[in-house]
């Protein structure tokens, strides 16, 4: 019955303006109609990431719950871990609307939000009240008009650290002017140094863009390893528009969803060859097969976002349950034992 209601609800939301629909979806999580089975787990699915024990490797990517308003229900939605934000030191409205576009023909979305959020003080107050359960982390951002964006990341972490299990340095959003410039090796090393000085015992992740050269990836891998980053999230949205069919294809912003899957997975495989830093696979995951491919390409865990727009919230549960079946069928006793088993396949595909 709940699956039928979810399908009807998802179809209804897709008839609305995308940003309005997203706001309604967050509110619906607080109703009895939301599919909230609790974290899905098994002996095979339980895994460790940066010292955190995850009931399963399927996480929620940042951006879905920007302001940490739905952590309690999301913790029961089947995910093994959750990332909220991005949070900036001061509240900011983000870019003018419309700034979110649904590309239905491509099973994709384009956003140019520009780090719209309630600011670190309001978000920290909500994080302080979150229930115990699956690990919850915060995506760190910088204010658009900040005089020192690198300092903003450390400022947000210092303020919110008591209430989170991990933090992500997000220098890969294409929607804040020149933010991606911080991915350069010298700027990134300096930024990470500032964040590491205030992190205490909080694991710090680094989220990178998919639109990077092989040399860029090699530089980032070295900087991340030298800075003792706990994991690299590969990847954020892309500026590439190759092969899109939707009328919204040329909207400015970051593209997410199905068209990003192969590109982000190739980046993941390249990083797996370049570094021992654990990797998190994001980009175009809409099925257990996609999640499994990311793991075999080199990811220790994965994250979803745009797939939920088309597959509904129960997608997290379906992916976790079916991933367990795939692991069993292939003779893997754990997620960790499957990590990187097909890296070479993806490296070969990227060179063809």
Protein backbone atom coordinates (compact mmCIF):
# COMPACT_ATOMS: atom_id res chain seq x y z
CA UNK A 1 0.00 0.00 0.00
CA UNK A 2 2.78 2.46 0.96
CA UNK A 3 4.64 1.67 -2.28
CA UNK A 4 1.53 2.54 -4.28
CA UNK A 5 1.07 5.78 -2.35
CA UNK A 6 4.72 6.65 -2.84
CA UNK A 7 4.47 6.06 -6.58
CA UNK A 8 1.37 8.27 -6.82
CA UNK A 9 3.02 10.93 -4.65
CA UNK A 10 6.23 10.89 -6.70
CA UNK A 11 4.26 11.27 -9.93
CA UNK A 12 2.26 14.15 -8.46
CA UNK A 13 5.38 15.96 -7.27
CA UNK A 14 6.91 15.69 -10.73
CA UNK A 15 4.05 17.79 -12.09
CA UNK A 16 5.07 20.69 -9.84
CA UNK A 17 7.90 23.18 -10.09
CA UNK A 18 10.99 21.16 -9.05
CA UNK A 19 12.02 23.34 -6.11
CA UNK A 20 8.44 23.49 -4.78
CA UNK A 21 8.19 19.72 -5.15
CA UNK A 22 11.42 19.23 -3.24
CA UNK A 23 10.16 21.35 -0.34
CA UNK A 24 6.92 19.35 -0.21
CA UNK A 25 8.86 16.08 -0.29
CA UNK A 26 10.84 17.15 2.78
CA UNK A 27 7.62 18.01 4.62
CA UNK A 28 6.05 14.69 3.60
CA UNK A 29 8.84 12.87 5.41
CA UNK A 30 7.22 13.97 8.68
CA UNK A 31 3.91 12.26 7.83
CA UNK A 32 2.87 8.63 8.41
CA UNK A 33 2.84 8.10 4.63
CA UNK A 34 6.64 8.23 4.29
CA UNK A 35 8.33 4.83 3.74
CA UNK A 36 10.58 4.60 6.82
CA UNK A 37 11.67 0.98 7.38
CA UNK A 38 14.72 1.93 9.44
CA UNK A 39 18.34 1.36 8.36
CA UNK A 40 18.67 -1.72 6.15
CA UNK A 41 21.47 -4.00 7.28
CA UNK A 42 23.02 -7.47 7.18
CA UNK A 43 26.37 -9.05 7.94
CA UNK A 44 27.43 -8.40 4.33
CA UNK A 45 26.16 -4.81 4.21
CA UNK A 46 27.67 -3.63 7.49
CA UNK A 47 30.85 -1.75 6.71
CA UNK A 48 33.29 0.79 8.08
CA UNK A 49 34.09 4.19 6.59
CA UNK A 50 36.59 6.58 8.17
CA UNK A 51 36.14 4.86 11.52
CA UNK A 52 32.34 5.07 11.35
CA UNK A 53 30.27 1.89 11.53
CA UNK A 54 27.64 1.96 8.78
CA UNK A 55 24.66 -0.44 8.74
CA UNK A 56 24.95 -0.34 4.94
CA UNK A 57 27.05 1.66 2.46
CA UNK A 58 24.13 3.54 0.83
CA UNK A 59 24.21 7.18 1.89
CA UNK A 60 22.19 10.31 1.21
CA UNK A 61 24.17 12.99 -0.58
CA UNK A 62 24.33 16.61 0.52
CA UNK A 63 21.77 18.97 -0.99
CA UNK A 64 18.67 16.88 -0.33
CA UNK A 65 18.32 18.16 3.24
CA UNK A 66 20.24 21.42 3.01
CA UNK A 67 19.06 22.83 6.33
CA UNK A 68 18.98 19.65 8.45
CA UNK A 69 15.20 19.82 8.87
CA UNK A 70 14.44 16.13 8.22
CA UNK A 71 17.28 14.17 9.82
CA UNK A 72 15.00 12.08 12.06
CA UNK A 73 12.84 10.59 9.28
CA UNK A 74 15.76 10.32 6.86
CA UNK A 75 17.63 8.27 9.47
CA UNK A 76 14.81 5.72 9.18
CA UNK A 77 14.52 5.78 5.38
CA UNK A 78 16.88 2.88 4.71
CA UNK A 79 20.12 4.85 4.39
CA UNK A 80 23.27 3.70 6.14
CA UNK A 81 24.52 7.27 6.56
CA UNK A 82 23.38 10.82 5.81
CA UNK A 83 25.02 14.07 4.73
CA UNK A 84 23.20 17.39 5.15
CA UNK A 85 24.06 20.92 4.01
CA UNK A 86 25.90 22.62 2.50
CA UNK A 87 26.13 25.09 5.38
CA UNK A 88 27.83 28.47 5.16
CA UNK A 89 28.81 30.76 8.05
CA UNK A 90 26.03 33.26 7.31
CA UNK A 91 22.58 32.53 5.88
CA UNK A 92 22.29 33.28 2.19
CA UNK A 93 19.42 33.13 -0.32
CA UNK A 94 21.42 31.58 -3.16
CA UNK A 95 20.86 32.35 -6.80
CA UNK A 96 17.61 33.75 -8.24
CA UNK A 97 14.79 31.34 -9.08
CA UNK A 98 14.17 29.30 -11.15
CA UNK A 99 17.37 27.44 -10.25
CA UNK A 100 16.38 23.77 -10.37
CA UNK A 101 15.38 22.03 -13.60
CA UNK A 102 14.07 18.52 -14.09
CA UNK A 103 15.39 16.80 -17.25
CA UNK A 104 12.91 13.93 -17.36
CA UNK A 105 13.97 12.61 -20.77
CA UNK A 106 17.51 12.24 -19.43
CA UNK A 107 16.60 11.07 -15.89
CA UNK A 108 18.66 14.05 -14.74
CA UNK A 109 18.51 17.47 -13.10
CA UNK A 110 20.35 20.76 -13.38
CA UNK A 111 20.70 23.03 -10.37
CA UNK A 112 22.30 26.38 -9.78
CA UNK A 113 21.22 26.90 -6.17
CA UNK A 114 24.39 28.70 -5.08
CA UNK A 115 24.60 27.37 -1.50
CA UNK A 116 21.20 28.66 -0.37
CA UNK A 117 20.92 27.76 3.33
CA UNK A 118 19.90 28.99 6.79
CA UNK A 119 23.49 29.47 7.98
CA UNK A 120 25.62 27.49 10.40
CA UNK A 121 23.96 28.68 13.61
CA UNK A 122 20.46 27.53 12.64
CA UNK A 123 21.76 24.28 11.13
CA UNK A 124 23.93 23.52 14.18
CA UNK A 125 20.91 24.01 16.47
CA UNK A 126 18.99 21.37 14.48
CA UNK A 127 21.95 19.01 14.38
CA UNK A 128 22.22 19.27 18.16
CA UNK A 129 18.72 17.78 18.46
CA UNK A 130 19.18 14.95 15.96
CA UNK A 131 18.39 11.42 17.08
CA UNK A 132 21.12 8.87 17.66
CA UNK A 133 21.40 6.27 14.94
CA UNK A 134 23.04 6.30 11.53
CA UNK A 135 26.08 8.57 11.12
CA UNK A 136 25.26 12.14 10.07
CA UNK A 137 27.72 14.53 8.46
CA UNK A 138 27.74 18.11 7.22
CA UNK A 139 28.78 19.51 3.87
CA UNK A 140 30.82 22.68 4.43
CA UNK A 141 30.42 25.67 2.14
CA UNK A 142 31.59 29.26 1.75
CA UNK A 143 29.53 32.43 1.52
CA UNK A 144 29.39 33.92 -1.95
CA UNK A 145 30.59 37.35 -0.81
CA UNK A 146 33.13 36.11 1.73
CA UNK A 147 36.47 37.90 1.84
CA UNK A 148 38.17 34.57 2.66
CA UNK A 149 36.32 31.52 1.44
CA UNK A 150 38.96 29.11 2.71
CA UNK A 151 38.39 30.40 6.25
CA UNK A 152 34.63 29.87 5.89
CA UNK A 153 35.04 26.09 5.68
CA UNK A 154 37.00 25.97 8.94
CA UNK A 155 34.55 28.36 10.60
CA UNK A 156 31.53 26.15 9.82
CA UNK A 157 33.31 23.00 10.96
CA UNK A 158 34.45 24.56 14.22
CA UNK A 159 30.91 25.69 15.01
CA UNK A 160 29.14 22.45 14.06
CA UNK A 161 31.74 19.82 15.03
CA UNK A 162 30.11 18.82 18.36
CA UNK A 163 26.98 17.63 16.53
CA UNK A 164 28.30 15.71 13.50
CA UNK A 165 30.10 12.45 12.72
CA UNK A 166 31.99 13.72 9.65
CA UNK A 167 32.40 16.85 7.53
CA UNK A 168 32.83 17.34 3.79
CA UNK A 169 34.88 20.12 2.23
CA UNK A 170 32.91 21.10 -0.87
CA UNK A 171 35.11 22.91 -3.37
CA UNK A 172 33.41 21.34 -6.36
CA UNK A 173 30.07 23.12 -6.69
CA UNK A 174 29.92 24.91 -10.05
CA UNK A 175 27.33 27.38 -8.76
CA UNK A 176 29.50 29.71 -6.67
CA UNK A 177 31.82 31.79 -8.85
CA UNK A 178 35.47 30.67 -8.73
CA UNK A 179 34.79 28.10 -5.99
CA UNK A 180 36.25 25.32 -8.13
CA UNK A 181 39.50 27.31 -8.28
CA UNK A 182 40.08 26.02 -4.74
CA UNK A 183 40.68 22.55 -6.23
CA UNK A 184 44.12 23.70 -7.42
CA UNK A 185 46.88 21.97 -5.44
CA UNK A 186 48.26 24.99 -3.57
CA UNK A 187 44.88 26.52 -2.74
CA UNK A 188 43.46 23.12 -1.75
CA UNK A 189 46.40 22.29 0.49
CA UNK A 190 46.05 25.61 2.31
CA UNK A 191 42.29 25.22 2.68
CA UNK A 192 42.57 21.68 4.03
CA UNK A 193 45.30 22.73 6.45
CA UNK A 194 42.95 25.30 7.97
CA UNK A 195 40.12 22.78 8.24
CA UNK A 196 42.35 20.10 9.77
CA UNK A 197 43.51 22.49 12.46
CA UNK A 198 39.97 22.79 13.86
CA UNK A 199 38.54 19.35 13.13
CA UNK A 200 39.39 17.67 16.45
CA UNK A 201 38.56 14.00 15.89
CA UNK A 202 35.98 14.62 13.12
CA UNK A 203 36.82 12.79 9.85
CA UNK A 204 37.08 15.22 6.94
CA UNK A 205 36.01 14.23 3.42
CA UNK A 206 36.81 16.09 0.19
CA UNK A 207 34.22 16.37 -2.58
CA UNK A 208 35.61 16.87 -6.07
CA UNK A 209 34.24 17.71 -9.51
CA UNK A 210 34.05 15.25 -12.42
CA UNK A 211 35.39 17.80 -14.90
CA UNK A 212 39.05 17.30 -14.06
CA UNK A 213 42.07 16.23 -16.12
CA UNK A 214 44.17 13.22 -15.18
CA UNK A 215 46.83 15.61 -13.90
CA UNK A 216 44.24 17.42 -11.77
CA UNK A 217 43.21 14.09 -10.26
CA UNK A 218 46.80 13.13 -9.53
CA UNK A 219 47.41 16.51 -7.83
CA UNK A 220 44.22 16.23 -5.76
CA UNK A 221 45.01 12.65 -4.74
CA UNK A 222 48.43 13.71 -3.46
CA UNK A 223 47.10 16.76 -1.60
CA UNK A 224 44.30 14.72 -0.02
CA UNK A 225 46.70 12.01 1.10
CA UNK A 226 49.23 14.52 2.49
CA UNK A 227 46.44 16.33 4.37
CA UNK A 228 45.16 13.01 5.78
CA UNK A 229 41.70 13.46 4.35
CA UNK A 230 39.54 10.54 5.52
CA UNK A 231 37.76 10.01 2.18
CA UNK A 232 37.26 11.55 -1.27
CA UNK A 233 33.74 11.92 -2.65
CA UNK A 234 33.71 11.44 -6.42
CA UNK A 235 31.91 13.31 -7.79
CA UNK A 236 29.83 16.45 -7.65
CA UNK A 237 27.76 17.65 -10.62
CA UNK A 238 29.17 18.25 -14.11
CA UNK A 239 29.16 21.15 -16.54
CA UNK A 240 29.21 18.71 -19.47
CA UNK A 241 26.03 18.61 -21.58
CA UNK A 242 26.97 15.88 -24.06
CA UNK A 243 24.08 13.78 -25.37
CA UNK A 244 21.23 15.46 -23.48
CA UNK A 245 17.72 15.46 -25.01
CA UNK A 246 15.72 17.64 -22.62
CA UNK A 247 14.54 21.16 -23.44
CA UNK A 248 16.36 22.33 -20.29
CA UNK A 249 19.70 20.87 -21.40
CA UNK A 250 21.46 24.22 -21.79
CA UNK A 251 20.43 25.74 -18.48
CA UNK A 252 23.41 26.95 -16.47
CA UNK A 253 24.40 24.95 -13.40
CA UNK A 254 25.53 21.49 -12.40
CA UNK A 255 24.09 18.43 -14.10
CA UNK A 256 23.31 15.38 -11.97
CA UNK A 257 21.57 12.06 -12.58
CA UNK A 258 21.91 9.33 -15.18
CA UNK A 259 24.20 11.19 -17.66
CA UNK A 260 26.81 11.57 -14.91
CA UNK A 261 27.09 7.86 -14.08
CA UNK A 262 29.84 6.75 -16.45
CA UNK A 263 31.89 9.94 -16.18
CA UNK A 264 31.89 9.95 -12.37
CA UNK A 265 32.62 6.22 -12.21
CA UNK A 266 35.65 6.59 -14.46
CA UNK A 267 36.95 9.34 -12.16
CA UNK A 268 36.38 7.00 -9.23
CA UNK A 269 38.38 4.20 -10.87
CA UNK A 270 41.26 6.55 -11.69
CA UNK A 271 41.38 7.75 -8.08
CA UNK A 272 41.33 4.17 -6.80
CA UNK A 273 44.51 3.57 -8.80
CA UNK A 274 46.08 6.83 -7.61
CA UNK A 275 45.46 6.76 -3.85
CA UNK A 276 44.82 4.62 -0.79
CA UNK A 277 42.36 7.22 0.55
CA UNK A 278 38.88 5.61 0.80
CA UNK A 279 36.49 6.70 -1.94
CA UNK A 280 32.76 7.45 -1.97
CA UNK A 281 30.92 7.00 -5.26
CA UNK A 282 28.29 9.55 -6.29
CA UNK A 283 26.71 10.36 -9.62
CA UNK A 284 23.88 8.75 -11.54
CA UNK A 285 23.03 5.96 -9.10
CA UNK A 286 19.46 4.82 -9.74
CA UNK A 287 19.69 1.10 -9.01
CA UNK A 288 21.54 -1.53 -7.00
CA UNK A 289 23.49 -2.38 -10.16
CA UNK A 290 24.75 1.20 -10.33
CA UNK A 291 25.75 1.19 -6.67
CA UNK A 292 27.48 -2.17 -7.07
CA UNK A 293 29.38 -0.89 -10.12
CA UNK A 294 30.65 2.08 -8.10
CA UNK A 295 31.84 -0.25 -5.34
CA UNK A 296 33.61 -2.55 -7.79
CA UNK A 297 35.19 0.50 -9.45
CA UNK A 298 36.70 1.49 -6.10
CA UNK A 299 34.08 3.04 -3.80
CA UNK A 300 33.87 1.98 -0.16
CA UNK A 301 30.41 3.58 0.06
CA UNK A 302 27.97 5.43 -2.21
CA UNK A 303 25.53 8.33 -2.06
CA UNK A 304 22.20 9.05 -3.79
CA UNK A 305 20.30 12.19 -4.63
CA UNK A 306 18.83 12.72 -8.11
CA UNK A 307 17.84 9.05 -8.37
CA UNK A 308 15.37 9.69 -5.55
CA UNK A 309 13.54 12.24 -7.72
CA UNK A 310 12.65 9.52 -10.21
CA UNK A 311 12.71 6.42 -7.99
CA UNK A 312 11.16 7.76 -4.78
CA UNK A 313 12.53 7.63 -1.25
CA UNK A 314 12.20 3.85 -1.09
CA UNK A 315 15.01 3.65 -3.66
CA UNK A 316 17.51 3.64 -0.79
CA UNK A 317 15.93 0.55 0.72
CA UNK A 318 15.68 -1.24 -2.62
CA UNK A 319 19.31 -0.54 -3.44
CA UNK A 320 20.57 -1.75 -0.06
CA UNK A 321 18.51 -4.94 -0.16
CA UNK A 322 19.42 -5.79 -3.75
CA UNK A 323 23.08 -4.92 -3.14
CA UNK A 324 23.09 -7.52 -0.38
CA UNK A 325 21.81 -10.06 -2.91
CA UNK A 326 24.48 -9.15 -5.47
CA UNK A 327 27.24 -9.52 -2.89
CA UNK A 328 25.90 -12.91 -1.86
CA UNK A 329 25.55 -14.17 -5.43
CA UNK A 330 29.12 -13.15 -6.26
CA UNK A 331 30.54 -14.78 -3.15
CA UNK A 332 31.57 -11.58 -1.36
CA UNK A 333 31.34 -11.77 2.43
CA UNK A 334 31.41 -7.99 2.82
CA UNK A 335 31.22 -4.70 0.96
CA UNK A 336 34.94 -4.18 1.56
CA UNK A 337 35.85 -7.41 -0.22
CA UNK A 338 34.14 -6.16 -3.41
CA UNK A 339 35.79 -2.72 -3.45
CA UNK A 340 37.95 -2.18 -6.52
CA UNK A 341 37.46 -5.63 -8.04
CA UNK A 342 36.60 -4.09 -11.43
CA UNK A 343 38.75 -0.96 -11.37
CA UNK A 344 40.70 -2.14 -14.41
CA UNK A 345 37.49 -2.52 -16.43
CA UNK A 346 36.63 1.14 -15.88
CA UNK A 347 40.18 2.28 -16.57
CA UNK A 348 40.13 0.37 -19.84
CA UNK A 349 36.78 1.92 -20.76
CA UNK A 350 38.17 5.42 -20.14
CA UNK A 351 41.10 4.80 -22.48
CA UNK A 352 39.07 3.31 -25.34
